[in-house]
Amino acid sequence: MPGQHAFIWWMQEQGRDPLNPSAMDLMNFLDYGLDERKWKLTTLRTYKSAILQLLPAAQQLEIKEDELFREYLKVMGTGTFKRLHNATVDLAPVLSCLQALGNNHSMDIKNLTAKTCFLLATCGLLRPDDLACTDVAQCKLKDDELELIVVFPKEKRDGALIIKPVVIKSHPVEFFCPVKSYVEYRRRTSDQDRFARTTHPKSETTLYTPLMRHLRRANLSLSTDAISNYIQEIMQLMPRDETQPSYKARSVGTTAALKRGIPVDDVVTHGNWSSPAIVEAFYRISRALASNFTTAILS
C-alpha cells in the first residue's frame, strides 16, 4: 500500500525502525506529508490507517490511546491544521490598527465590538465559542484584571460539561488593553442585561446573560460565527502566506506568549490546554520568564 511504503521509506531515512514506531514517529510522518508533500487530509487519514495495520494489535492500541496522538488527530481533522512555527506571526499591523481606532469612548460600536472580541480572544486564549458562552452576570472586574466565566466551553472533564474561569490582565497602553475595552463595551450594553438573559445554547435548562451582543439590538446575543467574523476583521491584517489558513486568535495568542517567554506550563493553564505536550508539539517555544499575558502578547 502506498502509505505503508512511504512510511517505511521515511522511517529508514530517519534511521528509525518502521516496524516499531512511536506515536511521535507517526505524527512526524504525517507532518512531513502535510508540510512537504502537500498531501490532502483524506490522504493523511488513509495513510495513518494503513500504517497502523503494519503493527500488532497491542501496539496499534498503544498509539491510538496516546493522549498527544489523539489531540493531534483532532486538530489535524479540523481542516485548518498548520503549525504556526512554520509561519511568521507579525502582530505589528494589528497593533497599528488598534491604535488608529482611537480611544474606546469615542469608538463606534462596530469597531468596539471587533476590538473587544479580538483582545479578549487573543489575550485570554479563547475560541469564538468561549466568548459566545461567557456569562457576563458571573464575570468579575477587580483593579487591573478581569475574570470571565465561560459556561460550558468545548472542553469537558470526564465527558461532563464544565465552567471555565479565565483571568485576563490589563495592558498599560489603553489602545491594547482588553480590560478597558471590556469596561467600555459593558458601559454601552449593560442596560440591556435583564432583557438579554436567555437559555444557554448548550443547555436548555441553564440561563445565562451573554457577554457579546448584537450591534443594534443589545438584548440579543452574538452567535459564534458572528464573533469569529469580528475577530477575523482584525486578524486579517496579519501578513501570512496565501497557502496557509487564516490564523486563529487562540493560536496567535499562544504563539506570541511563548515567543515572549511565558513558560509553557503557564500557557497550558491559561489556555486550558489538555497537556504541555500539545503546546510543545504545535509551537517552537522559549522558556524565558514572563508574567503578564496581555503585555507579553501585545508588545
Foldseek 3Di string as FASTA:
>chain_A
DVLLVQLCVVCVVVVHHLAQDALVSLVVSLVCCCPPVVDALVVSVVSSVVSLVSYPPVRSVNNCPPPLSVVSCVQSVVRQDDQCQVKDWDCVLLLVVLVVQPALQPHALLLLLLLLLLLCCQLLLHALLQLLQWFPVPWDDDDFKIKTWRWFDVDDDPPHGDIDIAMAGADPDRSLGNVNSLVSNCVVQVVLQVLQWDAGPVDNVDIGRRSAADNVDSSHHDDSVRSQVSNVVSQVSTDIDPVHDGDGSSSLLLQQLQALADALVVNCNSNVPPDSVNVVVRYDGHNHHDDHSSHSSSD
